[in-house]
Amino acid sequence: MLKYLLLLCMMIILFLGGALFGLKQGGEGVIQTSGYTTEHLNEGLVIEQVVNDKYDTPVLGIPIEQQNIDANINTYKNQAAHSSVQLAELLGGGVSKIYDVVITVAANMVEPLF
């Protein structure tokens, strides 16, 4: 009985120790991916105005190219709406046909009983 209790306590200690070690390593990994531990980065996102309407915005030290967002948003919305409507029509038609077949078969099976 004593061996069993010692083995159980040892397993609990190893499990909790491993869990705490994993949490510590995960926290350090998050800090490293945020860019806070490098010398040349103080923040993950830095926004600096270069010209009147132009901004220089490096994210984690990688410069980002400025694009016309309104045109891209409208293009993506139109494509998404068009494809989603087509998919919905296709699924709706398929479900309707399957429902009609199931109801017709059920009606044909039940009709002789009445």
N, C-alpha and C. Protein backbone atom coordinates (compact mmCIF):
# COMPACT_ATOMS: atom_id res chain seq x y z
N MET A 1 0.83 -1.19 0.00
CA MET A 1 0.00 0.00 0.00
C MET A 1 0.88 1.25 0.00
N LEU A 2 1.95 1.20 0.76
CA LEU A 2 2.85 2.34 0.86
C LEU A 2 3.56 2.58 -0.48
N LYS A 3 3.94 1.48 -1.16
CA LYS A 3 4.58 1.62 -2.47
C LYS A 3 3.61 2.27 -3.46
N TYR A 4 2.36 1.87 -3.40
CA TYR A 4 1.34 2.42 -4.29
C TYR A 4 1.17 3.92 -4.05
N LEU A 5 1.10 4.35 -2.81
CA LEU A 5 0.95 5.77 -2.48
C LEU A 5 2.17 6.58 -2.92
N LEU A 6 3.38 6.02 -2.70
CA LEU A 6 4.60 6.70 -3.14
C LEU A 6 4.63 6.83 -4.67
N LEU A 7 4.24 5.76 -5.36
CA LEU A 7 4.20 5.80 -6.82
C LEU A 7 3.17 6.83 -7.30
N LEU A 8 2.03 6.87 -6.66
CA LEU A 8 0.99 7.83 -7.02
C LEU A 8 1.45 9.27 -6.79
N CYS A 9 2.07 9.53 -5.65
CA CYS A 9 2.59 10.87 -5.37
C CYS A 9 3.67 11.27 -6.36
N MET A 10 4.55 10.34 -6.71
CA MET A 10 5.61 10.63 -7.67
C MET A 10 5.01 10.95 -9.05
N MET A 11 3.99 10.21 -9.44
CA MET A 11 3.35 10.47 -10.74
C MET A 11 2.67 11.84 -10.74
N ILE A 12 2.02 12.19 -9.65
CA ILE A 12 1.36 13.50 -9.56
C ILE A 12 2.38 14.62 -9.62
N ILE A 13 3.49 14.47 -8.91
CA ILE A 13 4.54 15.49 -8.91
C ILE A 13 5.14 15.65 -10.31
N LEU A 14 5.41 14.53 -10.98
CA LEU A 14 5.96 14.60 -12.34
C LEU A 14 4.97 15.25 -13.31
N PHE A 15 3.70 14.90 -13.21
CA PHE A 15 2.69 15.47 -14.09
C PHE A 15 2.56 16.99 -13.88
N LEU A 16 2.44 17.40 -12.64
CA LEU A 16 2.29 18.83 -12.37
C LEU A 16 3.56 19.60 -12.72
N GLY A 17 4.73 19.01 -12.45
CA GLY A 17 5.98 19.65 -12.83
C GLY A 17 6.09 19.82 -14.34
N GLY A 18 5.72 18.81 -15.09
CA GLY A 18 5.73 18.90 -16.55
C GLY A 18 4.76 19.94 -17.07
N ALA A 19 3.58 20.01 -16.45
CA ALA A 19 2.60 21.01 -16.87
C ALA A 19 3.12 22.43 -16.60
N LEU A 20 3.72 22.65 -15.45
CA LEU A 20 4.27 23.98 -15.14
C LEU A 20 5.43 24.33 -16.06
N PHE A 21 6.29 23.34 -16.37
CA PHE A 21 7.40 23.57 -17.28
C PHE A 21 6.87 23.93 -18.68
N GLY A 22 5.84 23.23 -19.14
CA GLY A 22 5.24 23.52 -20.45
C GLY A 22 4.62 24.91 -20.50
N LEU A 23 3.96 25.33 -19.45
CA LEU A 23 3.38 26.67 -19.40
C LEU A 23 4.47 27.73 -19.46
N LYS A 24 5.58 27.50 -18.77
CA LYS A 24 6.69 28.45 -18.80
C LYS A 24 7.29 28.54 -20.20
N GLN A 25 7.50 27.41 -20.85
CA GLN A 25 8.06 27.41 -22.20
C GLN A 25 7.10 28.06 -23.18
N GLY A 26 5.81 27.84 -23.03
CA GLY A 26 4.83 28.45 -23.91
C GLY A 26 4.81 29.97 -23.77
N GLY A 27 4.91 30.45 -22.54
CA GLY A 27 4.96 31.89 -22.30
C GLY A 27 6.18 32.52 -22.94
N GLU A 28 7.32 31.85 -22.83
CA GLU A 28 8.54 32.38 -23.45
C GLU A 28 8.41 32.39 -24.98
N GLY A 29 7.77 31.38 -25.54
CA GLY A 29 7.56 31.33 -26.99
C GLY A 29 6.67 32.45 -27.48
N VAL A 30 5.63 32.77 -26.72
CA VAL A 30 4.74 33.87 -27.09
C VAL A 30 5.50 35.19 -27.07
N ILE A 31 6.33 35.38 -26.06
CA ILE A 31 7.12 36.62 -25.97
C ILE A 31 8.08 36.70 -27.15
N GLN A 32 8.71 35.61 -27.55
CA GLN A 32 9.65 35.63 -28.66
C GLN A 32 8.94 35.91 -29.98
N THR A 33 7.76 35.36 -30.20
CA THR A 33 7.06 35.62 -31.46
C THR A 33 6.49 37.02 -31.51
N SER A 34 6.30 37.65 -30.37
CA SER A 34 5.82 39.03 -30.37
C SER A 34 6.91 40.00 -30.76
N GLY A 35 8.15 39.61 -30.70
CA GLY A 35 9.25 40.46 -31.11
C GLY A 35 9.78 41.33 -29.99
N TYR A 36 9.37 41.10 -28.77
CA TYR A 36 9.78 41.97 -27.67
C TYR A 36 11.18 41.63 -27.14
N THR A 37 11.70 40.48 -27.47
CA THR A 37 12.98 40.10 -26.91
C THR A 37 14.16 40.49 -27.80
N THR A 38 13.90 40.93 -29.03
CA THR A 38 15.00 41.32 -29.91
C THR A 38 15.40 42.76 -29.60
N GLU A 39 16.64 43.11 -29.96
CA GLU A 39 17.15 44.44 -29.63
C GLU A 39 16.63 45.52 -30.55
N HIS A 40 16.39 45.20 -31.82
CA HIS A 40 16.00 46.23 -32.77
C HIS A 40 14.49 46.48 -32.79
N LEU A 41 13.71 45.72 -32.05
CA LEU A 41 12.26 45.94 -31.99
C LEU A 41 11.85 46.26 -30.56
N ASN A 42 11.15 47.36 -30.40
CA ASN A 42 10.59 47.69 -29.10
C ASN A 42 9.11 47.36 -29.03
N GLU A 43 8.44 47.41 -30.18
CA GLU A 43 7.01 47.13 -30.24
C GLU A 43 6.73 46.20 -31.41
N GLY A 44 5.62 45.51 -31.36
CA GLY A 44 5.25 44.63 -32.45
C GLY A 44 4.76 45.40 -33.65
N LEU A 45 4.13 46.55 -33.45
CA LEU A 45 3.59 47.35 -34.54
C LEU A 45 4.00 48.80 -34.33
N VAL A 46 4.67 49.39 -35.32
CA VAL A 46 5.11 50.79 -35.25
C VAL A 46 4.52 51.51 -36.44
N ILE A 47 3.78 52.61 -36.19
CA ILE A 47 3.17 53.38 -37.26
C ILE A 47 3.82 54.75 -37.28
N GLU A 48 4.42 55.09 -38.43
CA GLU A 48 5.07 56.39 -38.60
C GLU A 48 4.54 57.03 -39.88
N GLN A 49 4.15 58.30 -39.80
CA GLN A 49 3.66 59.00 -40.98
C GLN A 49 4.86 59.55 -41.76
N VAL A 50 4.99 59.13 -43.03
CA VAL A 50 6.10 59.54 -43.86
C VAL A 50 5.73 60.77 -44.68
N VAL A 51 4.65 60.71 -45.43
CA VAL A 51 4.16 61.81 -46.26
C VAL A 51 2.73 62.09 -45.79
N ASN A 52 2.02 63.00 -46.44
CA ASN A 52 0.69 63.42 -45.99
C ASN A 52 -0.24 62.23 -45.69
N ASP A 53 -0.48 61.39 -46.69
CA ASP A 53 -1.41 60.27 -46.50
C ASP A 53 -0.72 58.92 -46.52
N LYS A 54 0.58 58.89 -46.53
CA LYS A 54 1.33 57.63 -46.57
C LYS A 54 1.87 57.32 -45.18
N TYR A 55 1.84 56.06 -44.83
CA TYR A 55 2.33 55.63 -43.53
C TYR A 55 3.34 54.51 -43.71
N ASP A 56 4.36 54.51 -42.91
CA ASP A 56 5.34 53.44 -42.87
C ASP A 56 5.02 52.59 -41.65
N THR A 57 4.62 51.33 -41.87
CA THR A 57 4.17 50.49 -40.77
C THR A 57 4.86 49.14 -40.81
N PRO A 58 5.98 49.00 -40.13
CA PRO A 58 6.56 47.65 -40.03
C PRO A 58 5.89 46.85 -38.92
N VAL A 59 5.58 45.61 -39.21
CA VAL A 59 5.01 44.70 -38.22
C VAL A 59 6.06 43.65 -37.91
N LEU A 60 6.51 43.61 -36.68
CA LEU A 60 7.58 42.73 -36.23
C LEU A 60 8.81 42.91 -37.11
N GLY A 61 9.06 44.15 -37.52
CA GLY A 61 10.26 44.47 -38.29
C GLY A 61 10.12 44.26 -39.78
N ILE A 62 8.99 43.73 -40.25
CA ILE A 62 8.78 43.49 -41.67
C ILE A 62 7.91 44.62 -42.22
N PRO A 63 8.41 45.40 -43.21
CA PRO A 63 7.60 46.50 -43.75
C PRO A 63 6.39 45.99 -44.52
N ILE A 64 5.30 46.73 -44.43
CA ILE A 64 4.05 46.37 -45.10
C ILE A 64 3.78 47.40 -46.18
N GLU A 65 3.40 46.91 -47.36
CA GLU A 65 3.11 47.79 -48.49
C GLU A 65 1.68 48.29 -48.38
N GLN A 66 1.49 49.60 -48.58
CA GLN A 66 0.16 50.19 -48.48
C GLN A 66 -0.61 49.92 -49.75
N GLN A 67 -1.87 49.49 -49.62
CA GLN A 67 -2.71 49.17 -50.77
C GLN A 67 -4.05 49.88 -50.63
N ASN A 68 -4.79 49.92 -51.73
CA ASN A 68 -6.12 50.50 -51.71
C ASN A 68 -7.08 49.46 -51.13
N ILE A 69 -7.47 49.65 -49.90
CA ILE A 69 -8.26 48.65 -49.19
C ILE A 69 -9.70 48.63 -49.68
N ASP A 70 -10.28 49.80 -50.00
CA ASP A 70 -11.68 49.84 -50.42
C ASP A 70 -11.93 49.01 -51.68
N ALA A 71 -11.04 49.11 -52.66
CA ALA A 71 -11.20 48.34 -53.89
C ALA A 71 -11.10 46.85 -53.60
N ASN A 72 -10.16 46.45 -52.76
CA ASN A 72 -10.01 45.03 -52.43
C ASN A 72 -11.21 44.50 -51.66
N ILE A 73 -11.74 45.28 -50.74
CA ILE A 73 -12.89 44.83 -49.94
C ILE A 73 -14.10 44.63 -50.85
N ASN A 74 -14.36 45.58 -51.76
CA ASN A 74 -15.51 45.44 -52.65
C ASN A 74 -15.35 44.22 -53.56
N THR A 75 -14.15 44.00 -54.06
CA THR A 75 -13.91 42.84 -54.92
C THR A 75 -14.16 41.55 -54.15
N TYR A 76 -13.64 41.44 -52.94
CA TYR A 76 -13.83 40.22 -52.15
C TYR A 76 -15.29 40.02 -51.77
N LYS A 77 -15.99 41.09 -51.44
CA LYS A 77 -17.41 40.96 -51.09
C LYS A 77 -18.22 40.46 -52.28
N ASN A 78 -17.96 41.02 -53.47
CA ASN A 78 -18.70 40.60 -54.65
C ASN A 78 -18.42 39.14 -54.99
N GLN A 79 -17.16 38.73 -54.92
CA GLN A 79 -16.82 37.34 -55.21
C GLN A 79 -17.42 36.40 -54.18
N ALA A 80 -17.34 36.78 -52.91
CA ALA A 80 -17.87 35.92 -51.85
C ALA A 80 -19.38 35.81 -51.96
N ALA A 81 -20.05 36.93 -52.22
CA ALA A 81 -21.51 36.91 -52.34
C ALA A 81 -21.93 36.06 -53.52
N HIS A 82 -21.24 36.20 -54.64
CA HIS A 82 -21.61 35.46 -55.84
C HIS A 82 -21.42 33.96 -55.63
N SER A 83 -20.28 33.56 -55.12
CA SER A 83 -20.02 32.14 -54.93
C SER A 83 -20.90 31.55 -53.83
N SER A 84 -21.16 32.31 -52.77
CA SER A 84 -22.00 31.77 -51.70
C SER A 84 -23.45 31.64 -52.15
N VAL A 85 -23.91 32.56 -52.99
CA VAL A 85 -25.28 32.45 -53.50
C VAL A 85 -25.40 31.23 -54.40
N GLN A 86 -24.41 31.01 -55.26
CA GLN A 86 -24.45 29.84 -56.13
C GLN A 86 -24.43 28.56 -55.31
N LEU A 87 -23.59 28.51 -54.29
CA LEU A 87 -23.52 27.33 -53.44
C LEU A 87 -24.83 27.10 -52.70
N ALA A 88 -25.44 28.17 -52.22
CA ALA A 88 -26.72 28.05 -51.51
C ALA A 88 -27.81 27.56 -52.44
N GLU A 89 -27.84 28.07 -53.67
CA GLU A 89 -28.84 27.62 -54.63
C GLU A 89 -28.65 26.14 -54.96
N LEU A 90 -27.41 25.73 -55.13
CA LEU A 90 -27.12 24.34 -55.44
C LEU A 90 -27.54 23.42 -54.29
N LEU A 91 -27.16 23.80 -53.07
CA LEU A 91 -27.54 22.99 -51.91
C LEU A 91 -29.05 22.97 -51.69
N GLY A 92 -29.70 24.12 -51.88
CA GLY A 92 -31.14 24.19 -51.72
C GLY A 92 -31.87 23.32 -52.73
N GLY A 93 -31.43 23.36 -53.97
CA GLY A 93 -32.05 22.52 -55.00
C GLY A 93 -31.85 21.04 -54.70
N GLY A 94 -30.64 20.67 -54.26
CA GLY A 94 -30.38 19.28 -53.94
C GLY A 94 -31.21 18.78 -52.78
N VAL A 95 -31.30 19.58 -51.74
CA VAL A 95 -32.09 19.19 -50.56
C VAL A 95 -33.57 19.08 -50.93
N SER A 96 -34.06 19.99 -51.76
CA SER A 96 -35.47 19.94 -52.19
C SER A 96 -35.76 18.66 -52.97
N LYS A 97 -34.85 18.29 -53.88
CA LYS A 97 -35.07 17.08 -54.67
C LYS A 97 -35.04 15.84 -53.79
N ILE A 98 -34.10 15.78 -52.86
CA ILE A 98 -34.03 14.63 -51.95
C ILE A 98 -35.29 14.55 -51.09
N TYR A 99 -35.77 15.69 -50.60
CA TYR A 99 -36.98 15.73 -49.79
C TYR A 99 -38.18 15.25 -50.61
N ASP A 100 -38.28 15.72 -51.87
CA ASP A 100 -39.40 15.30 -52.72
C ASP A 100 -39.38 13.80 -52.95
N VAL A 101 -38.20 13.22 -53.19
CA VAL A 101 -38.10 11.78 -53.41
C VAL A 101 -38.49 11.02 -52.15
N VAL A 102 -38.02 11.45 -51.00
CA VAL A 102 -38.34 10.76 -49.74
C VAL A 102 -39.84 10.83 -49.46
N ILE A 103 -40.45 11.98 -49.66
CA ILE A 103 -41.89 12.13 -49.39
C ILE A 103 -42.70 11.30 -50.38
N THR A 104 -42.29 11.27 -51.64
CA THR A 104 -43.01 10.49 -52.65
C THR A 104 -42.94 9.00 -52.32
N VAL A 105 -41.76 8.52 -51.95
CA VAL A 105 -41.61 7.10 -51.59
C VAL A 105 -42.44 6.78 -50.35
N ALA A 106 -42.41 7.64 -49.36
CA ALA A 106 -43.19 7.41 -48.14
C ALA A 106 -44.68 7.42 -48.45
N ALA A 107 -45.13 8.33 -49.31
CA ALA A 107 -46.55 8.40 -49.66
C ALA A 107 -46.97 7.14 -50.42
N ASN A 108 -46.12 6.66 -51.32
CA ASN A 108 -46.44 5.44 -52.08
C ASN A 108 -46.49 4.21 -51.17
N MET A 109 -45.68 4.19 -50.14
CA MET A 109 -45.67 3.07 -49.22
C MET A 109 -46.89 3.08 -48.29
N VAL A 110 -47.33 4.26 -47.89
CA VAL A 110 -48.43 4.38 -46.94
C VAL A 110 -49.78 4.34 -47.64
N GLU A 111 -49.85 4.70 -48.90
CA GLU A 111 -51.13 4.80 -49.63
C GLU A 111 -51.92 3.50 -49.63
N PRO A 112 -51.31 2.33 -49.84
CA PRO A 112 -52.12 1.10 -49.83
C PRO A 112 -52.76 0.76 -48.49
N LEU A 113 -52.21 1.33 -47.41
CA LEU A 113 -52.77 1.04 -46.10
C LEU A 113 -54.11 1.72 -45.87
N PHE A 114 -54.39 2.78 -46.62
CA PHE A 114 -55.64 3.51 -46.41
C PHE A 114 -56.57 3.13 -47.49
